[in-house]
Amino acid sequence: MRQGRYGISMALLLVLAMAFLMVNICAGSVAIPAGDVLRILSGRSADAVFADIVLRIRLPRALAAMILGGGLSLSGYLLQTYFHNPIAGPFILGISSGAKLTVALVMVAALGASVRISSVMMIAAAFAGAMISMGFVLLISRVMDRMSMLVVSGVMIGYICSSVTDLIVTFADDSDIVNLHNWSKGSFSGISWEHVAVMAVVIFGSSICVFFLSKPIRAWQMGEAYARSMGVNIPLFRALLVVLSSILSACVTAFAGPVSFVGVAVPHLVKGLFGTSKPICMIPACFLGGSVFCLACDLLARLLFAPTELAISTVTAIFGAPVVIVVLIHRRKGGG
């Protein structure tokens, strides 16, 4: 019975991901029929303008939303597991904001020196910022016993980093500052095939590593003492969770800027859909769930007030924040 639910839920997520991918490619200021999209993707002759729009703009953007959304959701799942906190996530704990700050610094410095920034440099800068923020969160977690205070401290770290980033963006003097400003608000626009290739390698590689940690994660969910009794190397396991969650959230921030609430809301939605918290099921499900969530939100961001495009974080917050509120209410009623 339970295996059947897992299979149906996974199939549902796969179908939704493919459906939203197709809609994202077809819909826009220029509507492209699904038949033409299929011809273009299969390499057959099609309208040159349609082919240019699909292959240069919409397909890379849609794939980026899938890959980065999956990575961000998985990062949130790892943080919730690590801290045993249902509302821990890269955005709420300030990790995304730390990555945003270092990327903004590198971008402004490179723009000022007329230096082209590679994708690897962006990810490295974001990872450094994510690790610094994560370090502060870990220090605070050792001092404060209450998880609610840890979340508040993470939010404060995020506000500080965001404020400094806004100052940098405001006073930076460059003709390309508009692009930097759009990135700082969160967006999947402007993604190239080079970016897709790099993010795919980083996100999929990290996700595979996370999947191989399924058994230790399951033991950790039962408590640190139980995990230790099962032979889990606790210091190494903790370090791996911190590094992998930071890499995943850093990659997202490097290419799309800060994207809010995906890492918090999606793991809970997926857990409710599957009715389990087993990592071997939750890890691929969280990735697919994050892909579907971000594809849907990016579609709304593009079309809701077209031709004006909303920041992706605006849309993800509208749908993700209520999930967090429901989780908190449920936790309160349950005496958590």
Protein backbone atom coordinates (compact mmCIF):
# COMPACT_ATOMS: atom_id res chain seq x y z
CA MET A 1 0.00 0.00 0.00
CA ARG A 2 2.73 2.42 1.06
CA GLN A 3 4.96 1.47 -1.89
CA GLY A 4 2.05 2.20 -4.20
CA ARG A 5 1.65 5.66 -2.69
CA TYR A 6 5.35 6.35 -3.20
CA GLY A 7 5.17 5.27 -6.84
CA ILE A 8 2.04 7.31 -7.59
CA SER A 9 3.45 10.39 -5.86
CA MET A 10 6.77 10.15 -7.71
CA ALA A 11 4.97 9.67 -11.03
CA LEU A 12 2.79 12.70 -10.27
CA LEU A 13 5.84 14.88 -9.63
CA LEU A 14 7.48 13.66 -12.85
CA VAL A 15 4.38 14.41 -14.89
CA LEU A 16 4.01 17.86 -13.31
CA ALA A 17 7.69 18.63 -13.95
CA MET A 18 7.40 17.69 -17.64
CA ALA A 19 4.09 19.54 -18.01
CA PHE A 20 5.40 22.75 -16.44
CA LEU A 21 8.60 22.48 -18.48
CA MET A 22 6.56 22.38 -21.69
CA VAL A 23 4.25 25.23 -20.60
CA ASN A 24 7.25 27.37 -19.62
CA ILE A 25 8.73 26.87 -23.08
CA CYS A 26 5.47 27.51 -24.94
CA ALA A 27 4.07 30.46 -22.95
CA GLY A 28 5.36 34.01 -23.11
CA SER A 29 5.03 37.27 -24.99
CA VAL A 30 5.32 35.14 -28.12
CA ALA A 31 3.14 32.04 -27.84
CA ILE A 32 4.75 28.98 -29.42
CA PRO A 33 2.58 25.94 -30.22
CA ALA A 34 3.58 22.71 -28.46
CA GLY A 35 3.93 20.99 -31.84
CA ASP A 36 6.54 23.53 -32.96
CA VAL A 37 8.40 23.15 -29.65
CA LEU A 38 8.56 19.37 -30.12
CA ARG A 39 9.83 19.82 -33.69
CA ILE A 40 12.52 22.21 -32.49
CA LEU A 41 13.60 19.91 -29.65
CA SER A 42 13.74 16.91 -31.98
CA GLY A 43 15.94 18.83 -34.44
CA ARG A 44 13.41 18.97 -37.25
CA SER A 45 12.86 22.08 -39.39
CA ALA A 46 10.79 24.79 -37.72
CA ASP A 47 10.27 28.54 -37.70
CA ALA A 48 13.67 30.20 -37.24
CA VAL A 49 12.33 32.84 -34.82
CA PHE A 50 10.57 30.19 -32.72
CA ALA A 51 13.72 28.07 -32.68
CA ASP A 52 15.80 31.03 -31.53
CA ILE A 53 13.39 31.86 -28.70
CA VAL A 54 13.16 28.24 -27.53
CA LEU A 55 16.84 27.28 -27.74
CA ARG A 56 18.43 30.55 -26.65
CA ILE A 57 16.01 31.88 -24.06
CA ARG A 58 13.18 29.69 -22.80
CA LEU A 59 14.68 26.20 -22.67
CA PRO A 60 17.87 27.22 -20.77
CA ARG A 61 15.75 29.27 -18.37
CA ALA A 62 13.28 26.44 -17.76
CA LEU A 63 16.07 23.90 -17.23
CA ALA A 64 17.75 26.31 -14.81
CA ALA A 65 14.52 26.66 -12.84
CA MET A 66 14.28 22.86 -12.63
CA ILE A 67 17.89 22.27 -11.63
CA LEU A 68 18.24 25.18 -9.21
CA GLY A 69 14.79 24.64 -7.70
CA GLY A 70 15.65 21.01 -7.02
CA GLY A 71 18.99 21.93 -5.50
CA LEU A 72 17.48 24.60 -3.25
CA SER A 73 14.77 22.24 -1.98
CA LEU A 74 17.35 19.56 -1.24
CA SER A 75 19.51 22.10 0.60
CA GLY A 76 16.54 22.99 2.78
CA TYR A 77 15.87 19.31 3.50
CA LEU A 78 19.48 18.82 4.63
CA LEU A 79 19.35 21.86 6.92
CA GLN A 80 16.04 20.75 8.45
CA THR A 81 17.59 17.34 9.05
CA TYR A 82 20.81 18.75 10.50
CA PHE A 83 19.15 21.12 12.96
CA HIS A 84 16.04 18.97 13.59
CA ASN A 85 14.10 22.14 12.86
CA PRO A 86 11.10 22.16 10.48
CA ILE A 87 11.61 25.77 9.36
CA ALA A 88 15.37 25.71 8.84
CA GLY A 89 16.33 26.66 5.30
CA PRO A 90 19.08 28.47 3.39
CA PHE A 91 17.04 31.68 3.09
CA ILE A 92 15.67 31.78 6.64
CA LEU A 93 19.04 30.95 8.25
CA GLY A 94 20.76 33.70 6.25
CA ILE A 95 22.93 31.32 4.22
CA SER A 96 21.55 32.52 0.88
CA SER A 97 22.04 36.14 1.97
CA GLY A 98 25.67 35.47 2.87
CA ALA A 99 26.23 33.94 -0.57
CA LYS A 100 24.44 36.90 -2.14
CA LEU A 101 26.75 39.36 -0.37
CA THR A 102 30.02 37.75 -1.50
CA VAL A 103 28.77 37.32 -5.08
CA ALA A 104 27.72 40.98 -5.18
CA LEU A 105 31.17 42.03 -3.94
CA VAL A 106 32.91 39.92 -6.59
CA MET A 107 30.56 41.13 -9.35
CA VAL A 108 31.04 44.81 -8.49
CA ALA A 109 34.83 44.37 -8.25
CA ALA A 110 34.92 42.55 -11.59
CA LEU A 111 32.66 45.09 -13.30
CA GLY A 112 34.85 47.91 -12.02
CA ALA A 113 37.97 46.22 -13.37
CA SER A 114 36.24 45.19 -16.63
CA VAL A 115 36.95 41.53 -15.86
CA ARG A 116 34.63 38.77 -17.05
CA ILE A 117 33.44 36.53 -14.22
CA SER A 118 33.29 32.81 -14.93
CA SER A 119 30.57 30.54 -13.58
CA VAL A 120 33.11 28.75 -11.39
CA MET A 121 34.19 32.06 -9.82
CA MET A 122 30.56 32.92 -9.09
CA ILE A 123 29.93 29.59 -7.40
CA ALA A 124 33.20 29.83 -5.44
CA ALA A 125 32.29 33.33 -4.19
CA ALA A 126 28.78 32.19 -3.27
CA PHE A 127 30.13 29.12 -1.48
CA ALA A 128 32.53 31.26 0.55
CA GLY A 129 29.68 33.54 1.63
CA ALA A 130 27.41 30.57 2.39
CA MET A 131 30.08 28.92 4.53
CA ILE A 132 30.74 32.15 6.47
CA SER A 133 27.03 32.56 7.22
CA MET A 134 26.72 28.88 8.06
CA GLY A 135 29.67 29.25 10.43
CA PHE A 136 27.87 32.00 12.32
CA VAL A 137 24.69 29.91 12.47
CA LEU A 138 26.63 26.91 13.82
CA LEU A 139 28.30 29.07 16.46
CA ILE A 140 24.94 30.44 17.54
CA SER A 141 23.46 26.92 17.64
CA ARG A 142 26.14 25.91 20.16
CA VAL A 143 25.28 28.85 22.43
CA MET A 144 21.48 28.83 22.16
CA ASP A 145 19.49 25.77 23.14
CA ARG A 146 16.17 26.99 21.77
CA MET A 147 15.75 26.42 18.05
CA SER A 148 13.39 29.39 17.79
CA MET A 149 16.26 31.68 18.80
CA LEU A 150 18.50 30.01 16.22
CA VAL A 151 15.98 30.86 13.50
CA VAL A 152 15.69 34.46 14.74
CA SER A 153 19.50 34.77 14.73
CA GLY A 154 19.63 33.38 11.19
CA VAL A 155 17.02 35.90 10.06
CA MET A 156 19.10 38.71 11.61
CA ILE A 157 22.23 37.47 9.81
CA GLY A 158 20.23 37.46 6.59
CA TYR A 159 19.02 41.02 7.13
CA ILE A 160 22.55 42.26 7.82
CA CYS A 161 23.94 40.59 4.68
CA SER A 162 21.02 41.82 2.55
CA SER A 163 21.41 45.38 3.83
CA VAL A 164 25.13 45.43 3.02
CA THR A 165 24.39 43.95 -0.42
CA ASP A 166 21.77 46.64 -1.10
CA LEU A 167 24.31 49.33 -0.16
CA ILE A 168 26.85 47.81 -2.55
CA VAL A 169 24.30 47.65 -5.36
CA THR A 170 23.06 51.19 -4.68
CA PHE A 171 26.47 52.86 -4.76
CA ALA A 172 28.14 50.72 -7.41
CA ASP A 173 28.94 52.76 -10.50
CA ASP A 174 28.65 50.77 -13.68
CA SER A 175 26.43 50.62 -16.74
CA ASP A 176 25.66 46.96 -16.00
CA ILE A 177 24.37 47.71 -12.50
CA VAL A 178 20.78 47.14 -13.66
CA ASN A 179 21.59 43.47 -14.25
CA LEU A 180 23.20 43.27 -10.80
CA HIS A 181 20.11 44.83 -9.24
CA ASN A 182 17.80 42.33 -10.99
CA TRP A 183 20.01 39.44 -9.89
CA SER A 184 19.98 40.68 -6.27
CA LYS A 185 16.17 40.40 -6.25
CA GLY A 186 16.19 36.84 -7.60
CA SER A 187 15.60 35.82 -11.22
CA PHE A 188 16.12 32.90 -13.61
CA SER A 189 16.47 35.24 -16.60
CA GLY A 190 19.67 35.61 -18.59
CA ILE A 191 20.70 31.96 -18.15
CA SER A 192 22.95 30.62 -20.92
CA TRP A 193 23.75 27.05 -21.92
CA GLU A 194 27.17 27.44 -20.33
CA HIS A 195 25.48 28.29 -17.03
CA VAL A 196 23.12 25.31 -17.37
CA ALA A 197 26.06 22.96 -17.95
CA VAL A 198 27.97 24.19 -14.89
CA MET A 199 24.96 24.21 -12.55
CA ALA A 200 23.96 20.73 -13.75
CA VAL A 201 27.39 19.32 -12.89
CA VAL A 202 27.47 20.99 -9.45
CA ILE A 203 23.85 20.35 -8.44
CA PHE A 204 23.57 16.79 -9.77
CA GLY A 205 26.99 15.85 -8.38
CA SER A 206 26.06 17.19 -4.93
CA SER A 207 22.64 15.53 -5.09
CA ILE A 208 24.20 12.13 -5.83
CA CYS A 209 26.49 12.58 -2.83
CA VAL A 210 23.44 13.41 -0.69
CA PHE A 211 21.66 10.28 -1.93
CA PHE A 212 24.60 8.13 -0.87
CA LEU A 213 24.16 9.58 2.64
CA SER A 214 20.58 8.24 2.87
CA LYS A 215 21.35 5.63 5.55
CA PRO A 216 23.36 7.96 7.84
CA ILE A 217 20.67 10.65 7.44
CA ARG A 218 18.00 8.14 8.47
CA ALA A 219 20.04 7.20 11.54
CA TRP A 220 20.57 10.90 12.36
CA GLN A 221 16.81 11.49 12.20
CA MET A 222 16.46 8.96 15.03
CA GLY A 223 18.84 10.99 17.21
CA GLU A 224 22.58 11.56 17.52
CA ALA A 225 23.02 8.77 20.07
CA TYR A 226 21.28 6.28 17.79
CA ALA A 227 23.37 7.39 14.80
CA ARG A 228 26.55 6.97 16.82
CA SER A 229 25.46 3.49 17.92
CA MET A 230 24.91 2.60 14.26
CA GLY A 231 28.52 3.44 13.48
CA VAL A 232 27.99 6.86 11.89
CA ASN A 233 31.07 9.07 12.04
CA ILE A 234 29.28 12.07 13.56
CA PRO A 235 31.92 14.82 12.96
CA LEU A 236 32.41 13.73 9.33
CA PHE A 237 28.66 13.36 8.78
CA ARG A 238 27.96 16.85 10.15
CA ALA A 239 30.71 18.34 7.99
CA LEU A 240 29.31 16.65 4.88
CA LEU A 241 25.79 17.93 5.55
CA VAL A 242 27.08 21.48 6.08
CA VAL A 243 29.28 21.45 2.96
CA LEU A 244 26.69 19.83 0.67
CA SER A 245 23.83 22.10 1.79
CA SER A 246 26.11 25.12 1.35
CA ILE A 247 27.21 24.05 -2.14
CA LEU A 248 23.59 23.54 -3.23
CA SER A 249 22.35 26.88 -1.91
CA ALA A 250 25.49 28.69 -3.14
CA CYS A 251 25.03 27.42 -6.69
CA VAL A 252 21.45 28.65 -6.72
CA THR A 253 22.43 32.09 -5.39
CA ALA A 254 25.34 32.41 -7.83
CA PHE A 255 23.09 32.00 -10.89
CA ALA A 256 19.63 33.14 -9.75
CA GLY A 257 20.23 35.34 -6.71
CA PRO A 258 18.42 34.72 -3.42
CA VAL A 259 15.26 32.63 -3.84
CA SER A 260 13.09 32.60 -0.73
CA PHE A 261 11.07 29.89 1.03
CA VAL A 262 11.63 27.10 -1.52
CA GLY A 263 14.05 25.29 0.78
CA VAL A 264 11.61 25.51 3.69
CA ALA A 265 8.22 24.92 2.07
CA VAL A 266 8.90 22.22 -0.53
CA PRO A 267 10.27 19.52 1.84
CA HIS A 268 7.09 19.82 3.93
CA LEU A 269 4.83 19.69 0.88
CA VAL A 270 6.68 16.62 -0.39
CA LYS A 271 6.60 14.95 3.01
CA GLY A 272 2.83 15.48 3.13
CA LEU A 273 2.43 14.07 -0.38
CA PHE A 274 4.50 10.94 0.25
CA GLY A 275 3.56 10.45 3.91
CA THR A 276 7.12 9.59 4.90
CA SER A 277 10.39 11.19 5.98
CA LYS A 278 12.66 8.36 4.76
CA PRO A 279 15.68 9.95 3.04
CA ILE A 280 15.88 7.35 0.27
CA CYS A 281 12.42 8.54 -0.82
CA MET A 282 12.59 12.19 0.28
CA ILE A 283 15.86 13.08 -1.45
CA PRO A 284 14.70 12.48 -5.07
CA ALA A 285 11.18 13.64 -4.17
CA CYS A 286 12.45 16.94 -2.72
CA PHE A 287 14.50 17.53 -5.86
CA LEU A 288 11.52 16.92 -8.14
CA GLY A 289 9.22 18.92 -5.87
CA GLY A 290 11.60 21.88 -5.92
CA SER A 291 11.77 21.68 -9.72
CA VAL A 292 7.98 21.73 -10.07
CA PHE A 293 7.61 24.55 -7.51
CA CYS A 294 10.19 26.80 -9.17
CA LEU A 295 8.91 26.11 -12.70
CA ALA A 296 5.40 27.08 -11.61
CA CYS A 297 6.60 30.21 -9.77
CA ASP A 298 8.82 31.30 -12.66
CA LEU A 299 5.89 30.92 -15.06
CA LEU A 300 3.76 33.17 -12.83
CA ALA A 301 6.64 35.65 -12.44
CA ARG A 302 6.86 36.00 -16.23
CA LEU A 303 3.17 36.03 -17.12
CA LEU A 304 1.22 37.46 -14.19
CA PHE A 305 1.92 41.13 -14.98
CA ALA A 306 3.51 40.75 -18.43
CA PRO A 307 5.45 42.47 -19.89
CA THR A 308 6.67 43.39 -16.38
CA GLU A 309 8.49 40.45 -14.80
CA LEU A 310 8.28 39.84 -11.06
CA ALA A 311 11.29 38.82 -8.96
CA ILE A 312 11.16 35.06 -8.44
CA SER A 313 11.43 35.50 -4.66
CA THR A 314 8.23 37.57 -4.70
CA VAL A 315 6.26 34.65 -6.12
CA THR A 316 7.97 31.90 -4.10
CA ALA A 317 7.32 33.86 -0.90
CA ILE A 318 3.61 34.21 -1.71
CA PHE A 319 3.22 30.43 -1.98
CA GLY A 320 5.99 29.33 0.38
CA ALA A 321 5.36 31.57 3.41
CA PRO A 322 1.83 30.19 4.07
CA VAL A 323 3.31 26.68 4.22
CA VAL A 324 5.75 27.83 6.91
CA ILE A 325 2.88 29.44 8.87
CA VAL A 326 0.85 26.22 8.69
CA VAL A 327 3.87 24.20 9.88
CA LEU A 328 4.35 26.54 12.84
CA ILE A 329 0.64 26.38 13.78
CA HIS A 330 0.65 22.59 13.50
CA ARG A 331 3.82 22.40 15.59
CA ARG A 332 2.27 24.69 18.21
CA LYS A 333 -0.90 22.59 18.42
CA GLY A 334 1.22 19.48 18.73
CA GLY A 335 3.08 21.02 21.63
CA GLY A 336 6.35 21.33 19.66
